Amino acid sequence: MLPEELPPLPALTRAEGELVDRYLDVVDQLGRINPARDGDTYRGLRAAQALVRKAEELRDALDLMHRRGERELHGGTLARALRVLDGERRAARVALPPQASN
């Protein structure tokens, strides 16, 4: 059985693609740091250290867009790209997990 085919990414400028990729990198690191999730402090420390670099790369992607005259973010298009790249699952790791019922 073949895996389900993902929808195609919407048309993005190279800078928009970089923005989406760098944003998801930051989200991934924040998910690893989330203190509400089980894990060890060393993993969180390593993720926090990586977060600094990833945040700088995200800033650089936005700066490049701004310098190129791309002044507007097209939220609907970028949201579709994030969904294709599994952004909803990845961002959910940043949120508090559901409260366990007693």
PDB file of N, CA and C in Angstrom:
ATOM      1  N   MET A   1       0.839  -1.179   0.000  1.00  0.00           N
ATOM      2  CA  MET A   1       0.000   0.000   0.000  1.00  0.00           C
ATOM      3  C   MET A   1       0.882   1.239   0.000  1.00  0.00           C
ATOM      4  N   LEU A   2       0.593   2.164  -0.873  1.00  0.00           N
ATOM      5  CA  LEU A   2       1.363   3.392  -0.986  1.00  0.00           C
ATOM      6  C   LEU A   2       0.938   4.391   0.089  1.00  0.00           C
ATOM      7  N   PRO A   3       1.899   5.171   0.612  1.00  0.00           N
ATOM      8  CA  PRO A   3       1.528   6.195   1.589  1.00  0.00           C
ATOM      9  C   PRO A   3       0.688   7.281   0.935  1.00  0.00           C
ATOM     10  N   GLU A   4      -0.121   7.934   1.761  1.00  0.00           N
ATOM     11  CA  GLU A   4      -0.958   9.021   1.258  1.00  0.00           C
ATOM     12  C   GLU A   4      -0.073  10.145   0.724  1.00  0.00           C
ATOM     13  N   GLU A   5      -0.418  10.643  -0.447  1.00  0.00           N
ATOM     14  CA  GLU A   5       0.374  11.700  -1.067  1.00  0.00           C
ATOM     15  C   GLU A   5       0.047  13.044  -0.421  1.00  0.00           C
ATOM     16  N   LEU A   6       1.091  13.765  -0.073  1.00  0.00           N
ATOM     17  CA  LEU A   6       0.909  15.090   0.522  1.00  0.00           C
ATOM     18  C   LEU A   6       0.474  16.089  -0.539  1.00  0.00           C
ATOM     19  N   PRO A   7      -0.312  17.081  -0.133  1.00  0.00           N
ATOM     20  CA  PRO A   7      -0.652  18.122  -1.102  1.00  0.00           C
ATOM     21  C   PRO A   7       0.619  18.897  -1.468  1.00  0.00           C
ATOM     22  N   PRO A   8       0.641  19.484  -2.639  1.00  0.00           N
ATOM     23  CA  PRO A   8       1.839  20.235  -3.029  1.00  0.00           C
ATOM     24  C   PRO A   8       1.966  21.510  -2.202  1.00  0.00           C
ATOM     25  N   LEU A   9       3.190  21.937  -2.027  1.00  0.00           N
ATOM     26  CA  LEU A   9       3.431  23.224  -1.371  1.00  0.00           C
ATOM     27  C   LEU A   9       2.890  24.336  -2.260  1.00  0.00           C
ATOM     28  N   PRO A  10       2.333  25.375  -1.659  1.00  0.00           N
ATOM     29  CA  PRO A  10       1.923  26.509  -2.482  1.00  0.00           C
ATOM     30  C   PRO A  10       3.160  27.203  -3.051  1.00  0.00           C
ATOM     31  N   ALA A  11       2.953  27.985  -4.086  1.00  0.00           N
ATOM     32  CA  ALA A  11       4.063  28.724  -4.685  1.00  0.00           C
ATOM     33  C   ALA A  11       4.565  29.762  -3.687  1.00  0.00           C
ATOM     34  N   LEU A  12       5.840  29.683  -3.380  1.00  0.00           N
ATOM     35  CA  LEU A  12       6.471  30.616  -2.446  1.00  0.00           C
ATOM     36  C   LEU A  12       7.707  31.216  -3.097  1.00  0.00           C
ATOM     37  N   THR A  13       8.035  32.443  -2.706  1.00  0.00           N
ATOM     38  CA  THR A  13       9.332  32.982  -3.107  1.00  0.00           C
ATOM     39  C   THR A  13      10.397  32.201  -2.341  1.00  0.00           C
ATOM     40  N   ARG A  14      11.614  32.276  -2.788  1.00  0.00           N
ATOM     41  CA  ARG A  14      12.706  31.607  -2.081  1.00  0.00           C
ATOM     42  C   ARG A  14      12.800  32.123  -0.646  1.00  0.00           C
ATOM     43  N   ALA A  15      12.606  33.430  -0.470  1.00  0.00           N
ATOM     44  CA  ALA A  15      12.673  34.021   0.868  1.00  0.00           C
ATOM     45  C   ALA A  15      11.518  33.531   1.745  1.00  0.00           C
ATOM     46  N   GLU A  16      10.323  33.388   1.175  1.00  0.00           N
ATOM     47  CA  GLU A  16       9.194  32.865   1.951  1.00  0.00           C
ATOM     48  C   GLU A  16       9.446  31.414   2.362  1.00  0.00           C
ATOM     49  N   GLY A  17      10.000  30.639   1.464  1.00  0.00           N
ATOM     50  CA  GLY A  17      10.342  29.259   1.800  1.00  0.00           C
ATOM     51  C   GLY A  17      11.348  29.190   2.927  1.00  0.00           C
ATOM     52  N   GLU A  18      12.334  30.074   2.876  1.00  0.00           N
ATOM     53  CA  GLU A  18      13.339  30.143   3.942  1.00  0.00           C
ATOM     54  C   GLU A  18      12.681  30.549   5.259  1.00  0.00           C
ATOM     55  N   LEU A  19      11.779  31.509   5.215  1.00  0.00           N
ATOM     56  CA  LEU A  19      11.063  31.949   6.415  1.00  0.00           C
ATOM     57  C   LEU A  19      10.298  30.780   7.039  1.00  0.00           C
ATOM     58  N   VAL A  20       9.560  30.035   6.241  1.00  0.00           N
ATOM     59  CA  VAL A  20       8.787  28.903   6.745  1.00  0.00           C
ATOM     60  C   VAL A  20       9.719  27.857   7.357  1.00  0.00           C
ATOM     61  N   ASP A  21      10.790  27.536   6.675  1.00  0.00           N
ATOM     62  CA  ASP A  21      11.741  26.540   7.196  1.00  0.00           C
ATOM     63  C   ASP A  21      12.366  26.981   8.516  1.00  0.00           C
ATOM     64  N   ARG A  22      12.795  28.235   8.573  1.00  0.00           N
ATOM     65  CA  ARG A  22      13.436  28.727   9.799  1.00  0.00           C
ATOM     66  C   ARG A  22      12.432  28.832  10.953  1.00  0.00           C
ATOM     67  N   TYR A  23      11.184  29.213  10.642  1.00  0.00           N
ATOM     68  CA  TYR A  23      10.147  29.276  11.664  1.00  0.00           C
ATOM     69  C   TYR A  23       9.921  27.889  12.266  1.00  0.00           C
ATOM     70  N   LEU A  24       9.834  26.875  11.417  1.00  0.00           N
ATOM     71  CA  LEU A  24       9.627  25.519  11.922  1.00  0.00           C
ATOM     72  C   LEU A  24      10.831  25.023  12.711  1.00  0.00           C
ATOM     73  N   ASP A  25      12.022  25.444  12.343  1.00  0.00           N
ATOM     74  CA  ASP A  25      13.209  25.102  13.138  1.00  0.00           C
ATOM     75  C   ASP A  25      13.076  25.649  14.558  1.00  0.00           C
ATOM     76  N   VAL A  26      12.628  26.901  14.668  1.00  0.00           N
ATOM     77  CA  VAL A  26      12.448  27.519  15.990  1.00  0.00           C
ATOM     78  C   VAL A  26      11.368  26.778  16.775  1.00  0.00           C
ATOM     79  N   VAL A  27      10.257  26.467  16.124  1.00  0.00           N
ATOM     80  CA  VAL A  27       9.171  25.741  16.781  1.00  0.00           C
ATOM     81  C   VAL A  27       9.671  24.387  17.293  1.00  0.00           C
ATOM     82  N   ASP A  28      10.463  23.688  16.480  1.00  0.00           N
ATOM     83  CA  ASP A  28      10.993  22.384  16.900  1.00  0.00           C
ATOM     84  C   ASP A  28      11.845  22.520  18.164  1.00  0.00           C
ATOM     85  N   GLN A  29      12.693  23.536  18.202  1.00  0.00           N
ATOM     86  CA  GLN A  29      13.543  23.720  19.384  1.00  0.00           C
ATOM     87  C   GLN A  29      12.704  24.073  20.607  1.00  0.00           C
ATOM     88  N   LEU A  30      11.712  24.942  20.448  1.00  0.00           N
ATOM     89  CA  LEU A  30      10.842  25.276  21.571  1.00  0.00           C
ATOM     90  C   LEU A  30      10.101  24.047  22.081  1.00  0.00           C
ATOM     91  N   GLY A  31       9.681  23.173  21.181  1.00  0.00           N
ATOM     92  CA  GLY A  31       9.027  21.938  21.589  1.00  0.00           C
ATOM     93  C   GLY A  31       9.939  21.049  22.411  1.00  0.00           C
ATOM     94  N   ARG A  32      11.215  21.034  22.090  1.00  0.00           N
ATOM     95  CA  ARG A  32      12.183  20.225  22.845  1.00  0.00           C
ATOM     96  C   ARG A  32      12.457  20.826  24.223  1.00  0.00           C
ATOM     97  N   ILE A  33      12.299  22.143  24.348  1.00  0.00           N
ATOM     98  CA  ILE A  33      12.559  22.828  25.613  1.00  0.00           C
ATOM     99  C   ILE A  33      11.353  22.779  26.547  1.00  0.00           C
ATOM    100  N   ASN A  34      10.168  22.583  26.026  1.00  0.00           N
ATOM    101  CA  ASN A  34       8.921  22.679  26.782  1.00  0.00           C
ATOM    102  C   ASN A  34       9.025  21.946  28.121  1.00  0.00           C
ATOM    103  N   PRO A  35       9.004  22.683  29.241  1.00  0.00           N
ATOM    104  CA  PRO A  35       9.164  22.046  30.550  1.00  0.00           C
ATOM    105  C   PRO A  35       7.941  21.231  30.974  1.00  0.00           C
ATOM    106  N   ALA A  36       6.832  21.352  30.276  1.00  0.00           N
ATOM    107  CA  ALA A  36       5.641  20.573  30.611  1.00  0.00           C
ATOM    108  C   ALA A  36       5.707  19.165  30.020  1.00  0.00           C
ATOM    109  N   ARG A  37       6.732  18.879  29.273  1.00  0.00           N
ATOM    110  CA  ARG A  37       6.885  17.557  28.666  1.00  0.00           C
ATOM    111  C   ARG A  37       8.014  16.801  29.367  1.00  0.00           C
ATOM    112  N   ASP A  38       7.866  15.492  29.418  1.00  0.00           N
ATOM    113  CA  ASP A  38       8.904  14.668  30.036  1.00  0.00           C
ATOM    114  C   ASP A  38      10.188  14.741  29.230  1.00  0.00           C
ATOM    115  N   GLY A  39      11.281  14.621  29.913  1.00  0.00           N
ATOM    116  CA  GLY A  39      12.587  14.640  29.273  1.00  0.00           C
ATOM    117  C   GLY A  39      13.643  14.973  30.301  1.00  0.00           C
ATOM    118  N   ASP A  40      14.834  15.183  29.835  1.00  0.00           N
ATOM    119  CA  ASP A  40      15.901  15.523  30.774  1.00  0.00           C
ATOM    120  C   ASP A  40      16.387  16.947  30.525  1.00  0.00           C
ATOM    121  N   THR A  41      17.060  17.488  31.524  1.00  0.00           N
ATOM    122  CA  THR A  41      17.504  18.876  31.430  1.00  0.00           C
ATOM    123  C   THR A  41      18.572  19.063  30.363  1.00  0.00           C
ATOM    124  N   TYR A  42      19.390  18.047  30.135  1.00  0.00           N
ATOM    125  CA  TYR A  42      20.440  18.185  29.132  1.00  0.00           C
ATOM    126  C   TYR A  42      19.838  18.374  27.740  1.00  0.00           C
ATOM    127  N   ARG A  43      18.796  17.611  27.431  1.00  0.00           N
ATOM    128  CA  ARG A  43      18.125  17.768  26.134  1.00  0.00           C
ATOM    129  C   ARG A  43      17.566  19.179  25.997  1.00  0.00           C
ATOM    130  N   GLY A  44      16.950  19.681  27.063  1.00  0.00           N
ATOM    131  CA  GLY A  44      16.425  21.042  27.040  1.00  0.00           C
ATOM    132  C   GLY A  44      17.521  22.076  26.885  1.00  0.00           C
ATOM    133  N   LEU A  45      18.632  21.857  27.569  1.00  0.00           N
ATOM    134  CA  LEU A  45      19.769  22.776  27.463  1.00  0.00           C
ATOM    135  C   LEU A  45      20.304  22.816  26.039  1.00  0.00           C
ATOM    136  N   ARG A  46      20.472  21.659  25.428  1.00  0.00           N
ATOM    137  CA  ARG A  46      20.976  21.613  24.050  1.00  0.00           C
ATOM    138  C   ARG A  46      20.007  22.299  23.088  1.00  0.00           C
ATOM    139  N   ALA A  47      18.706  22.089  23.305  1.00  0.00           N
ATOM    140  CA  ALA A  47      17.707  22.727  22.455  1.00  0.00           C
ATOM    141  C   ALA A  47      17.717  24.242  22.655  1.00  0.00           C
ATOM    142  N   ALA A  48      17.892  24.697  23.888  1.00  0.00           N
ATOM    143  CA  ALA A  48      17.943  26.141  24.157  1.00  0.00           C
ATOM    144  C   ALA A  48      19.163  26.768  23.486  1.00  0.00           C
ATOM    145  N   GLN A  49      20.278  26.067  23.501  1.00  0.00           N
ATOM    146  CA  GLN A  49      21.467  26.573  22.828  1.00  0.00           C
ATOM    147  C   GLN A  49      21.233  26.649  21.318  1.00  0.00           C
ATOM    148  N   ALA A  50      20.608  25.649  20.760  1.00  0.00           N
ATOM    149  CA  ALA A  50      20.320  25.648  19.319  1.00  0.00           C
ATOM    150  C   ALA A  50      19.283  26.710  18.969  1.00  0.00           C
ATOM    151  N   LEU A  51      18.368  26.986  19.898  1.00  0.00           N
ATOM    152  CA  LEU A  51      17.324  27.972  19.652  1.00  0.00           C
ATOM    153  C   LEU A  51      17.912  29.342  19.320  1.00  0.00           C
ATOM    154  N   VAL A  52      18.984  29.706  19.973  1.00  0.00           N
ATOM    155  CA  VAL A  52      19.628  31.004  19.706  1.00  0.00           C
ATOM    156  C   VAL A  52      20.033  31.097  18.244  1.00  0.00           C
ATOM    157  N   ARG A  53      20.690  30.058  17.752  1.00  0.00           N
ATOM    158  CA  ARG A  53      21.130  30.042  16.350  1.00  0.00           C
ATOM    159  C   ARG A  53      19.934  30.038  15.399  1.00  0.00           C
ATOM    160  N   LYS A  54      18.931  29.235  15.715  1.00  0.00           N
ATOM    161  CA  LYS A  54      17.752  29.153  14.853  1.00  0.00           C
ATOM    162  C   LYS A  54      16.986  30.469  14.827  1.00  0.00           C
ATOM    163  N   ALA A  55      16.916  31.160  15.970  1.00  0.00           N
ATOM    164  CA  ALA A  55      16.236  32.457  16.012  1.00  0.00           C
ATOM    165  C   ALA A  55      16.993  33.484  15.166  1.00  0.00           C
ATOM    166  N   GLU A  56      18.306  33.434  15.190  1.00  0.00           N
ATOM    167  CA  GLU A  56      19.098  34.334  14.348  1.00  0.00           C
ATOM    168  C   GLU A  56      18.836  34.052  12.871  1.00  0.00           C
ATOM    169  N   GLU A  57      18.736  32.782  12.504  1.00  0.00           N
ATOM    170  CA  GLU A  57      18.453  32.425  11.113  1.00  0.00           C
ATOM    171  C   GLU A  57      17.055  32.883  10.703  1.00  0.00           C
ATOM    172  N   LEU A  58      16.092  32.793  11.616  1.00  0.00           N
ATOM    173  CA  LEU A  58      14.739  33.279  11.348  1.00  0.00           C
ATOM    174  C   LEU A  58      14.762  34.797  11.153  1.00  0.00           C
ATOM    175  N   ARG A  59      15.474  35.489  12.017  1.00  0.00           N
ATOM    176  CA  ARG A  59      15.620  36.940  11.868  1.00  0.00           C
ATOM    177  C   ARG A  59      16.240  37.293  10.528  1.00  0.00           C
ATOM    178  N   ASP A  60      17.264  36.560  10.140  1.00  0.00           N
ATOM    179  CA  ASP A  60      17.935  36.830   8.863  1.00  0.00           C
ATOM    180  C   ASP A  60      16.998  36.598   7.678  1.00  0.00           C
ATOM    181  N   ALA A  61      16.155  35.578   7.764  1.00  0.00           N
ATOM    182  CA  ALA A  61      15.198  35.311   6.684  1.00  0.00           C
ATOM    183  C   ALA A  61      14.211  36.469   6.560  1.00  0.00           C
ATOM    184  N   LEU A  62      13.719  36.960   7.684  1.00  0.00           N
ATOM    185  CA  LEU A  62      12.793  38.102   7.652  1.00  0.00           C
ATOM    186  C   LEU A  62      13.485  39.367   7.169  1.00  0.00           C
ATOM    187  N   ASP A  63      14.730  39.561   7.582  1.00  0.00           N
ATOM    188  CA  ASP A  63      15.492  40.728   7.143  1.00  0.00           C
ATOM    189  C   ASP A  63      15.700  40.700   5.631  1.00  0.00           C
ATOM    190  N   LEU A  64      16.016  39.535   5.104  1.00  0.00           N
ATOM    191  CA  LEU A  64      16.206  39.398   3.662  1.00  0.00           C
ATOM    192  C   LEU A  64      14.917  39.736   2.923  1.00  0.00           C
ATOM    193  N   MET A  65      13.796  39.225   3.395  1.00  0.00           N
ATOM    194  CA  MET A  65      12.513  39.536   2.761  1.00  0.00           C
ATOM    195  C   MET A  65      12.279  41.046   2.769  1.00  0.00           C
ATOM    196  N   HIS A  66      12.526  41.671   3.901  1.00  0.00           N
ATOM    197  CA  HIS A  66      12.296  43.111   4.023  1.00  0.00           C
ATOM    198  C   HIS A  66      13.197  43.899   3.064  1.00  0.00           C
ATOM    199  N   ARG A  67      14.485  43.511   3.008  1.00  0.00           N
ATOM    200  CA  ARG A  67      15.421  44.209   2.121  1.00  0.00           C
ATOM    201  C   ARG A  67      15.068  44.016   0.650  1.00  0.00           C
ATOM    202  N   ARG A  68      14.464  42.899   0.309  1.00  0.00           N
ATOM    203  CA  ARG A  68      14.059  42.632  -1.080  1.00  0.00           C
ATOM    204  C   ARG A  68      12.737  43.301  -1.438  1.00  0.00           C
ATOM    205  N   GLY A  69      12.134  43.970  -0.470  1.00  0.00           N
ATOM    206  CA  GLY A  69      10.882  44.648  -0.743  1.00  0.00           C
ATOM    207  C   GLY A  69       9.652  43.791  -0.503  1.00  0.00           C
ATOM    208  N   GLU A  70       9.850  42.598   0.033  1.00  0.00           N
ATOM    209  CA  GLU A  70       8.714  41.740   0.381  1.00  0.00           C
ATOM    210  C   GLU A  70       8.215  42.200   1.750  1.00  0.00           C
ATOM    211  N   ARG A  71       7.321  43.163   1.750  1.00  0.00           N
ATOM    212  CA  ARG A  71       6.900  43.801   2.990  1.00  0.00           C
ATOM    213  C   ARG A  71       5.685  43.147   3.640  1.00  0.00           C
ATOM    214  N   GLU A  72       4.988  42.314   2.893  1.00  0.00           N
ATOM    215  CA  GLU A  72       3.741  41.736   3.395  1.00  0.00           C
ATOM    216  C   GLU A  72       3.858  40.223   3.505  1.00  0.00           C
ATOM    217  N   LEU A  73       3.374  39.685   4.629  1.00  0.00           N
ATOM    218  CA  LEU A  73       3.291  38.235   4.778  1.00  0.00           C
ATOM    219  C   LEU A  73       1.901  37.792   4.337  1.00  0.00           C
ATOM    220  N   HIS A  74       1.844  36.827   3.482  1.00  0.00           N
ATOM    221  CA  HIS A  74       0.569  36.303   2.990  1.00  0.00           C
ATOM    222  C   HIS A  74       0.197  35.098   3.853  1.00  0.00           C
ATOM    223  N   GLY A  75      -0.517  35.389   4.942  1.00  0.00           N
ATOM    224  CA  GLY A  75      -0.800  34.403   5.985  1.00  0.00           C
ATOM    225  C   GLY A  75      -1.460  33.139   5.480  1.00  0.00           C
ATOM    226  N   GLY A  76      -2.436  33.253   4.616  1.00  0.00           N
ATOM    227  CA  GLY A  76      -3.119  32.059   4.118  1.00  0.00           C
ATOM    228  C   GLY A  76      -2.180  31.132   3.367  1.00  0.00           C
ATOM    229  N   THR A  77      -1.365  31.697   2.514  1.00  0.00           N
ATOM    230  CA  THR A  77      -0.414  30.902   1.726  1.00  0.00           C
ATOM    231  C   THR A  77       0.643  30.279   2.630  1.00  0.00           C
ATOM    232  N   LEU A  78       1.162  31.079   3.547  1.00  0.00           N
ATOM    233  CA  LEU A  78       2.192  30.563   4.445  1.00  0.00           C
ATOM    234  C   LEU A  78       1.617  29.511   5.388  1.00  0.00           C
ATOM    235  N   ALA A  79       0.376  29.680   5.817  1.00  0.00           N
ATOM    236  CA  ALA A  79      -0.264  28.674   6.676  1.00  0.00           C
ATOM    237  C   ALA A  79      -0.428  27.351   5.925  1.00  0.00           C
ATOM    238  N   ARG A  80      -0.790  27.414   4.641  1.00  0.00           N
ATOM    239  CA  ARG A  80      -0.897  26.184   3.846  1.00  0.00           C
ATOM    240  C   ARG A  80       0.456  25.481   3.764  1.00  0.00           C
ATOM    241  N   ALA A  81       1.505  26.254   3.563  1.00  0.00           N
ATOM    242  CA  ALA A  81       2.850  25.666   3.503  1.00  0.00           C
ATOM    243  C   ALA A  81       3.209  25.026   4.841  1.00  0.00           C
ATOM    244  N   LEU A  82       2.896  25.700   5.935  1.00  0.00           N
ATOM    245  CA  LEU A  82       3.193  25.142   7.257  1.00  0.00           C
ATOM    246  C   LEU A  82       2.433  23.835   7.493  1.00  0.00           C
ATOM    247  N   ARG A  83       1.191  23.786   7.043  1.00  0.00           N
ATOM    248  CA  ARG A  83       0.408  22.555   7.217  1.00  0.00           C
ATOM    249  C   ARG A  83       0.997  21.399   6.411  1.00  0.00           C
ATOM    250  N   VAL A  84       1.412  21.665   5.172  1.00  0.00           N
ATOM    251  CA  VAL A  84       2.018  20.618   4.347  1.00  0.00           C
ATOM    252  C   VAL A  84       3.289  20.091   5.006  1.00  0.00           C
ATOM    253  N   LEU A  85       4.010  20.970   5.690  1.00  0.00           N
ATOM    254  CA  LEU A  85       5.266  20.594   6.342  1.00  0.00           C
ATOM    255  C   LEU A  85       5.065  20.123   7.781  1.00  0.00           C
ATOM    256  N   ASP A  86       3.834  19.726   8.127  1.00  0.00           N
ATOM    257  CA  ASP A  86       3.514  19.150   9.426  1.00  0.00           C
ATOM    258  C   ASP A  86       3.640  20.171  10.566  1.00  0.00           C
ATOM    259  N   GLY A  87       3.399  21.429  10.242  1.00  0.00           N
ATOM    260  CA  GLY A  87       3.533  22.495  11.226  1.00  0.00           C
ATOM    261  C   GLY A  87       2.570  22.388  12.396  1.00  0.00           C
ATOM    262  N   GLU A  88       1.359  21.878  12.165  1.00  0.00           N
ATOM    263  CA  GLU A  88       0.402  21.769  13.272  1.00  0.00           C
ATOM    264  C   GLU A  88       0.901  20.802  14.339  1.00  0.00           C
ATOM    265  N   ARG A  89       1.381  19.655  13.941  1.00  0.00           N
ATOM    266  CA  ARG A  89       1.906  18.688  14.915  1.00  0.00           C
ATOM    267  C   ARG A  89       3.145  19.241  15.611  1.00  0.00           C
ATOM    268  N   ARG A  90       4.013  19.869  14.839  1.00  0.00           N
ATOM    269  CA  ARG A  90       5.252  20.389  15.405  1.00  0.00           C
ATOM    270  C   ARG A  90       4.968  21.525  16.391  1.00  0.00           C
ATOM    271  N   ALA A  91       4.025  22.395  16.060  1.00  0.00           N
ATOM    272  CA  ALA A  91       3.683  23.505  16.958  1.00  0.00           C
ATOM    273  C   ALA A  91       2.950  23.017  18.199  1.00  0.00           C
ATOM    274  N   ALA A  92       2.241  21.909  18.101  1.00  0.00           N
ATOM    275  CA  ALA A  92       1.519  21.378  19.261  1.00  0.00           C
ATOM    276  C   ALA A  92       2.474  20.975  20.381  1.00  0.00           C
ATOM    277  N   ARG A  93       3.702  20.658  20.055  1.00  0.00           N
ATOM    278  CA  ARG A  93       4.688  20.288  21.087  1.00  0.00           C
ATOM    279  C   ARG A  93       5.076  21.477  21.961  1.00  0.00           C
ATOM    280  N   VAL A  94       4.792  22.692  21.483  1.00  0.00           N
ATOM    281  CA  VAL A  94       5.104  23.902  22.249  1.00  0.00           C
ATOM    282  C   VAL A  94       4.027  24.156  23.303  1.00  0.00           C
ATOM    283  N   ALA A  95       2.801  23.744  23.020  1.00  0.00           N
ATOM    284  CA  ALA A  95       1.668  23.996  23.919  1.00  0.00           C
ATOM    285  C   ALA A  95       1.711  23.065  25.129  1.00  0.00           C
ATOM    286  N   LEU A  96       0.927  23.424  26.142  1.00  0.00           N
ATOM    287  CA  LEU A  96       0.797  22.545  27.302  1.00  0.00           C
ATOM    288  C   LEU A  96       0.051  21.291  26.880  1.00  0.00           C
ATOM    289  N   PRO A  97       0.497  20.130  27.355  1.00  0.00           N
ATOM    290  CA  PRO A  97      -0.250  18.918  27.050  1.00  0.00           C
ATOM    291  C   PRO A  97      -1.589  18.929  27.774  1.00  0.00           C
ATOM    292  N   PRO A  98      -2.559  18.165  27.287  1.00  0.00           N
ATOM    293  CA  PRO A  98      -3.855  18.140  27.961  1.00  0.00           C
ATOM    294  C   PRO A  98      -3.708  17.708  29.415  1.00  0.00           C
ATOM    295  N   GLN A  99      -4.530  18.275  30.256  1.00  0.00           N
ATOM    296  CA  GLN A  99      -4.484  17.953  31.680  1.00  0.00           C
ATOM    297  C   GLN A  99      -5.019  16.544  31.898  1.00  0.00           C
ATOM    298  N   ALA A 100      -4.294  15.753  32.683  1.00  0.00           N
ATOM    299  CA  ALA A 100      -4.743  14.397  32.971  1.00  0.00           C
ATOM    300  C   ALA A 100      -5.958  14.452  33.893  1.00  0.00           C
ATOM    301  N   SER A 101      -6.954  13.650  33.581  1.00  0.00           N
ATOM    302  CA  SER A 101      -8.147  13.619  34.439  1.00  0.00           C
ATOM    303  C   SER A 101      -7.872  12.725  35.643  1.00  0.00           C
ATOM    304  N   ASN A 102      -8.383  13.127  36.796  1.00  0.00           N
ATOM    305  CA  ASN A 102      -8.142  12.366  38.036  1.00  0.00           C
ATOM    306  C   ASN A 102      -9.230  11.382  38.284  1.00  0.00           C
TER     307      ASN A 102
END
